Amino acid sequence: MQSIDIIRLSEKQKQQLIILKRKTGIENWNVLCRWALCMSLADATLPPKEDIPSDSNVEMTWKTFAGEFSELYLTILKEAYRKFAKTSGNTELSTFVKIHLNRGINLYSKSL
């Protein structure tokens, strides 16, 4: 199975996270992104496939993104990926993470 090396965000996601940082007081991108990812994974449906650009200057390694629980997050992601593999076609794990992160950031932004 593939691995995830770098998480790159779109400019829209960056702007949403700036607002989330201000509203929540949470300063770290990676913490906000983890919460957003979990919010999306909690939804039993597959996010729509979108072409999400990586056009911002925000990027982080998988270790930074997932922190001390990187193995746990990776296991959860791989299980969700396997669950949807039949319906998601040839989607790569990195794309799967990207669409979940996008939906999660949108959900998180709307929840506040």
N, C-alpha and C. Protein backbone atom coordinates (compact mmCIF):
# COMPACT_ATOMS: atom_id res chain seq x y z
N MET A 1 0.85 -1.18 0.00
CA MET A 1 0.00 0.00 0.00
C MET A 1 0.89 1.24 0.00
N GLN A 2 0.39 2.29 -0.61
CA GLN A 2 1.14 3.53 -0.74
C GLN A 2 1.31 4.20 0.63
N SER A 3 2.21 5.15 0.67
CA SER A 3 2.39 5.94 1.88
C SER A 3 2.11 7.40 1.56
N ILE A 4 2.09 8.20 2.59
CA ILE A 4 1.85 9.63 2.44
C ILE A 4 3.10 10.34 2.94
N ASP A 5 3.69 11.15 2.09
CA ASP A 5 4.92 11.84 2.49
C ASP A 5 4.68 13.30 2.85
N ILE A 6 3.97 14.01 1.99
CA ILE A 6 3.76 15.45 2.16
C ILE A 6 2.28 15.76 2.00
N ILE A 7 1.77 16.62 2.86
CA ILE A 7 0.41 17.14 2.75
C ILE A 7 0.54 18.58 2.27
N ARG A 8 -0.06 18.87 1.12
CA ARG A 8 -0.04 20.23 0.57
C ARG A 8 -1.47 20.76 0.51
N LEU A 9 -1.64 22.00 0.90
CA LEU A 9 -2.97 22.59 0.95
C LEU A 9 -3.20 23.57 -0.18
N SER A 10 -4.47 23.74 -0.51
CA SER A 10 -4.83 24.74 -1.52
C SER A 10 -4.90 26.11 -0.84
N GLU A 11 -4.93 27.14 -1.65
CA GLU A 11 -5.04 28.50 -1.12
C GLU A 11 -6.37 28.67 -0.39
N LYS A 12 -7.44 28.08 -0.93
CA LYS A 12 -8.75 28.15 -0.27
C LYS A 12 -8.69 27.49 1.10
N GLN A 13 -8.07 26.31 1.18
CA GLN A 13 -7.94 25.62 2.47
C GLN A 13 -7.12 26.46 3.44
N LYS A 14 -6.06 27.07 2.95
CA LYS A 14 -5.22 27.92 3.79
C LYS A 14 -6.05 29.06 4.39
N GLN A 15 -6.85 29.72 3.55
CA GLN A 15 -7.67 30.83 4.03
C GLN A 15 -8.69 30.35 5.06
N GLN A 16 -9.28 29.17 4.82
CA GLN A 16 -10.24 28.62 5.78
C GLN A 16 -9.54 28.32 7.11
N LEU A 17 -8.33 27.78 7.04
CA LEU A 17 -7.59 27.46 8.26
C LEU A 17 -7.18 28.73 9.02
N ILE A 18 -6.87 29.80 8.31
CA ILE A 18 -6.55 31.07 8.97
C ILE A 18 -7.75 31.53 9.81
N ILE A 19 -8.94 31.41 9.24
CA ILE A 19 -10.16 31.79 9.96
C ILE A 19 -10.38 30.85 11.15
N LEU A 20 -10.17 29.55 10.93
CA LEU A 20 -10.32 28.58 12.02
C LEU A 20 -9.33 28.85 13.15
N LYS A 21 -8.10 29.21 12.79
CA LYS A 21 -7.10 29.53 13.81
C LYS A 21 -7.58 30.70 14.66
N ARG A 22 -8.13 31.71 14.00
CA ARG A 22 -8.60 32.89 14.71
C ARG A 22 -9.80 32.55 15.61
N LYS A 23 -10.73 31.75 15.09
CA LYS A 23 -11.94 31.43 15.86
C LYS A 23 -11.68 30.46 17.00
N THR A 24 -10.76 29.53 16.82
CA THR A 24 -10.53 28.49 17.83
C THR A 24 -9.38 28.81 18.77
N GLY A 25 -8.46 29.66 18.34
CA GLY A 25 -7.27 29.93 19.13
C GLY A 25 -6.20 28.86 18.97
N ILE A 26 -6.46 27.88 18.13
CA ILE A 26 -5.48 26.81 17.87
C ILE A 26 -4.50 27.34 16.84
N GLU A 27 -3.23 27.36 17.18
CA GLU A 27 -2.21 27.98 16.33
C GLU A 27 -1.60 27.07 15.27
N ASN A 28 -1.67 25.78 15.47
CA ASN A 28 -0.96 24.87 14.57
C ASN A 28 -1.84 24.32 13.46
N TRP A 29 -1.36 24.47 12.23
CA TRP A 29 -2.08 23.95 11.06
C TRP A 29 -2.36 22.46 11.22
N ASN A 30 -1.34 21.72 11.68
CA ASN A 30 -1.47 20.27 11.73
C ASN A 30 -2.59 19.82 12.66
N VAL A 31 -2.77 20.49 13.77
CA VAL A 31 -3.84 20.11 14.70
C VAL A 31 -5.20 20.36 14.06
N LEU A 32 -5.37 21.52 13.45
CA LEU A 32 -6.63 21.82 12.77
C LEU A 32 -6.90 20.82 11.64
N CYS A 33 -5.85 20.49 10.90
CA CYS A 33 -6.01 19.53 9.79
C CYS A 33 -6.36 18.14 10.29
N ARG A 34 -5.77 17.72 11.39
CA ARG A 34 -6.11 16.41 11.97
C ARG A 34 -7.58 16.36 12.35
N TRP A 35 -8.05 17.40 13.01
CA TRP A 35 -9.46 17.44 13.41
C TRP A 35 -10.36 17.41 12.18
N ALA A 36 -9.98 18.18 11.16
CA ALA A 36 -10.77 18.22 9.93
C ALA A 36 -10.79 16.84 9.26
N LEU A 37 -9.66 16.18 9.21
CA LEU A 37 -9.60 14.84 8.62
C LEU A 37 -10.52 13.89 9.37
N CYS A 38 -10.48 13.93 10.68
CA CYS A 38 -11.33 13.05 11.48
C CYS A 38 -12.81 13.36 11.27
N MET A 39 -13.14 14.64 11.13
CA MET A 39 -14.54 15.01 10.87
C MET A 39 -15.02 14.40 9.56
N SER A 40 -14.18 14.42 8.55
CA SER A 40 -14.56 13.86 7.26
C SER A 40 -14.65 12.34 7.33
N LEU A 41 -13.69 11.71 7.98
CA LEU A 41 -13.70 10.25 8.08
C LEU A 41 -14.88 9.75 8.90
N ALA A 42 -15.41 10.57 9.79
CA ALA A 42 -16.58 10.18 10.58
C ALA A 42 -17.85 10.10 9.73
N ASP A 43 -17.85 10.78 8.60
CA ASP A 43 -18.96 10.71 7.65
C ASP A 43 -18.83 9.40 6.88
N ALA A 44 -19.89 8.64 6.82
CA ALA A 44 -19.83 7.30 6.21
C ALA A 44 -19.78 7.33 4.68
N THR A 45 -19.82 8.50 4.09
CA THR A 45 -19.80 8.59 2.63
C THR A 45 -18.43 9.00 2.13
N LEU A 46 -18.18 8.69 0.87
CA LEU A 46 -16.93 9.08 0.24
C LEU A 46 -17.06 10.53 -0.25
N PRO A 47 -16.08 11.38 0.04
CA PRO A 47 -16.15 12.75 -0.48
C PRO A 47 -16.12 12.74 -2.00
N PRO A 48 -16.73 13.73 -2.62
CA PRO A 48 -16.68 13.78 -4.08
C PRO A 48 -15.25 14.00 -4.56
N LYS A 49 -14.92 13.37 -5.68
CA LYS A 49 -13.60 13.59 -6.27
C LYS A 49 -13.58 14.99 -6.86
N GLU A 50 -12.57 15.73 -6.51
CA GLU A 50 -12.40 17.09 -7.02
C GLU A 50 -10.94 17.28 -7.39
N ASP A 51 -10.72 18.22 -8.27
CA ASP A 51 -9.35 18.61 -8.57
C ASP A 51 -9.00 19.72 -7.59
N ILE A 52 -8.28 19.37 -6.54
CA ILE A 52 -7.94 20.32 -5.48
C ILE A 52 -6.50 20.76 -5.70
N PRO A 53 -6.29 22.01 -6.05
CA PRO A 53 -4.92 22.45 -6.31
C PRO A 53 -4.08 22.50 -5.03
N SER A 54 -2.80 22.37 -5.20
CA SER A 54 -1.85 22.54 -4.09
C SER A 54 -1.14 23.87 -4.31
N ASP A 55 -1.92 24.94 -4.31
CA ASP A 55 -1.41 26.24 -4.74
C ASP A 55 -1.10 27.21 -3.61
N SER A 56 -1.03 26.72 -2.38
CA SER A 56 -0.64 27.62 -1.29
C SER A 56 0.79 27.30 -0.87
N ASN A 57 1.30 28.08 0.05
CA ASN A 57 2.64 27.82 0.56
C ASN A 57 2.60 26.97 1.83
N VAL A 58 1.45 26.36 2.11
CA VAL A 58 1.32 25.53 3.30
C VAL A 58 1.49 24.07 2.92
N GLU A 59 2.52 23.46 3.48
CA GLU A 59 2.74 22.04 3.32
C GLU A 59 3.39 21.51 4.58
N MET A 60 3.17 20.24 4.84
CA MET A 60 3.77 19.62 6.02
C MET A 60 4.05 18.16 5.73
N THR A 61 5.06 17.65 6.38
CA THR A 61 5.35 16.23 6.22
C THR A 61 4.27 15.43 6.93
N TRP A 62 4.19 14.15 6.58
CA TRP A 62 3.22 13.29 7.24
C TRP A 62 3.48 13.25 8.75
N LYS A 63 4.74 13.19 9.15
CA LYS A 63 5.07 13.14 10.59
C LYS A 63 4.60 14.41 11.31
N THR A 64 4.75 15.55 10.67
CA THR A 64 4.26 16.80 11.27
C THR A 64 2.74 16.80 11.31
N PHE A 65 2.13 16.41 10.21
CA PHE A 65 0.67 16.37 10.13
C PHE A 65 0.08 15.49 11.22
N ALA A 66 0.58 14.26 11.33
CA ALA A 66 -0.03 13.26 12.22
C ALA A 66 0.56 13.26 13.63
N GLY A 67 1.72 13.85 13.80
CA GLY A 67 2.32 13.92 15.13
C GLY A 67 2.70 12.56 15.69
N GLU A 68 2.63 12.46 17.00
CA GLU A 68 3.06 11.23 17.67
C GLU A 68 2.15 10.04 17.37
N PHE A 69 0.99 10.30 16.81
CA PHE A 69 0.05 9.22 16.51
C PHE A 69 0.02 8.90 15.02
N SER A 70 1.13 9.13 14.33
CA SER A 70 1.16 8.94 12.88
C SER A 70 0.78 7.52 12.46
N GLU A 71 1.23 6.53 13.19
CA GLU A 71 0.89 5.14 12.83
C GLU A 71 -0.61 4.89 13.00
N LEU A 72 -1.20 5.44 14.03
CA LEU A 72 -2.63 5.29 14.26
C LEU A 72 -3.44 5.96 13.15
N TYR A 73 -3.09 7.20 12.82
CA TYR A 73 -3.79 7.90 11.74
C TYR A 73 -3.63 7.15 10.42
N LEU A 74 -2.44 6.65 10.15
CA LEU A 74 -2.20 5.92 8.90
C LEU A 74 -3.03 4.64 8.86
N THR A 75 -3.14 3.94 9.96
CA THR A 75 -3.95 2.72 10.02
C THR A 75 -5.42 3.04 9.78
N ILE A 76 -5.92 4.09 10.41
CA ILE A 76 -7.32 4.50 10.22
C ILE A 76 -7.56 4.87 8.76
N LEU A 77 -6.65 5.64 8.19
CA LEU A 77 -6.79 6.04 6.78
C LEU A 77 -6.76 4.84 5.84
N LYS A 78 -5.84 3.93 6.07
CA LYS A 78 -5.74 2.76 5.19
C LYS A 78 -6.99 1.89 5.29
N GLU A 79 -7.56 1.77 6.48
CA GLU A 79 -8.79 0.99 6.64
C GLU A 79 -9.94 1.66 5.89
N ALA A 80 -10.06 2.98 6.04
CA ALA A 80 -11.10 3.71 5.30
C ALA A 80 -10.87 3.60 3.80
N TYR A 81 -9.62 3.66 3.39
CA TYR A 81 -9.26 3.56 1.97
C TYR A 81 -9.67 2.19 1.42
N ARG A 82 -9.37 1.14 2.17
CA ARG A 82 -9.76 -0.22 1.73
C ARG A 82 -11.27 -0.34 1.63
N LYS A 83 -11.97 0.25 2.57
CA LYS A 83 -13.44 0.18 2.59
C LYS A 83 -14.04 0.79 1.33
N PHE A 84 -13.45 1.88 0.87
CA PHE A 84 -13.99 2.58 -0.29
C PHE A 84 -13.26 2.26 -1.59
N ALA A 85 -12.29 1.37 -1.55
CA ALA A 85 -11.47 1.08 -2.74
C ALA A 85 -12.32 0.68 -3.94
N LYS A 86 -13.35 -0.08 -3.72
CA LYS A 86 -14.18 -0.54 -4.84
C LYS A 86 -14.97 0.60 -5.47
N THR A 87 -15.41 1.55 -4.65
CA THR A 87 -16.22 2.65 -5.18
C THR A 87 -15.38 3.86 -5.59
N SER A 88 -14.15 3.91 -5.13
CA SER A 88 -13.32 5.08 -5.44
C SER A 88 -12.46 4.88 -6.68
N GLY A 89 -12.58 3.74 -7.33
CA GLY A 89 -11.81 3.51 -8.55
C GLY A 89 -10.33 3.40 -8.25
N ASN A 90 -9.53 4.04 -9.08
CA ASN A 90 -8.07 3.98 -8.95
C ASN A 90 -7.51 5.15 -8.16
N THR A 91 -8.26 5.65 -7.22
CA THR A 91 -7.80 6.77 -6.41
C THR A 91 -6.60 6.35 -5.57
N GLU A 92 -5.55 7.14 -5.61
CA GLU A 92 -4.37 6.89 -4.79
C GLU A 92 -4.67 7.29 -3.35
N LEU A 93 -3.92 6.71 -2.42
CA LEU A 93 -4.11 7.03 -1.01
C LEU A 93 -3.91 8.53 -0.76
N SER A 94 -2.92 9.13 -1.40
CA SER A 94 -2.68 10.57 -1.20
C SER A 94 -3.86 11.41 -1.67
N THR A 95 -4.50 11.01 -2.76
CA THR A 95 -5.69 11.71 -3.25
C THR A 95 -6.86 11.49 -2.30
N PHE A 96 -6.99 10.27 -1.80
CA PHE A 96 -8.02 9.93 -0.83
C PHE A 96 -7.90 10.84 0.40
N VAL A 97 -6.69 11.02 0.89
CA VAL A 97 -6.45 11.90 2.04
C VAL A 97 -6.80 13.34 1.67
N LYS A 98 -6.40 13.75 0.49
CA LYS A 98 -6.63 15.13 0.04
C LYS A 98 -8.12 15.47 -0.03
N ILE A 99 -8.93 14.55 -0.58
CA ILE A 99 -10.36 14.85 -0.68
C ILE A 99 -11.03 14.80 0.69
N HIS A 100 -10.56 13.92 1.57
CA HIS A 100 -11.11 13.89 2.93
C HIS A 100 -10.71 15.15 3.69
N LEU A 101 -9.49 15.57 3.55
CA LEU A 101 -9.03 16.78 4.23
C LEU A 101 -9.81 17.99 3.73
N ASN A 102 -10.04 18.05 2.44
CA ASN A 102 -10.80 19.16 1.87
C ASN A 102 -12.22 19.20 2.44
N ARG A 103 -12.89 18.04 2.44
CA ARG A 103 -14.25 18.01 2.99
C ARG A 103 -14.22 18.35 4.47
N GLY A 104 -13.25 17.81 5.20
CA GLY A 104 -13.17 18.07 6.63
C GLY A 104 -12.95 19.54 6.96
N ILE A 105 -12.09 20.20 6.21
CA ILE A 105 -11.86 21.64 6.44
C ILE A 105 -13.14 22.41 6.16
N ASN A 106 -13.85 22.04 5.11
CA ASN A 106 -15.13 22.69 4.81
C ASN A 106 -16.14 22.46 5.94
N LEU A 107 -16.25 21.22 6.42
CA LEU A 107 -17.17 20.91 7.52
C LEU A 107 -16.80 21.68 8.78
N TYR A 108 -15.52 21.68 9.10
CA TYR A 108 -15.03 22.36 10.30
C TYR A 108 -15.32 23.86 10.21
N SER A 109 -15.08 24.43 9.05
CA SER A 109 -15.32 25.87 8.85
C SER A 109 -16.79 26.22 9.04
N LYS A 110 -17.66 25.37 8.54
CA LYS A 110 -19.10 25.63 8.64
C LYS A 110 -19.64 25.38 10.04
N SER A 111 -18.93 24.59 10.84
CA SER A 111 -19.43 24.25 12.17
C SER A 111 -19.22 25.36 13.20
N LEU A 112 -18.40 26.34 12.88
CA LEU A 112 -18.12 27.41 13.85
C LEU A 112 -18.83 28.69 13.52
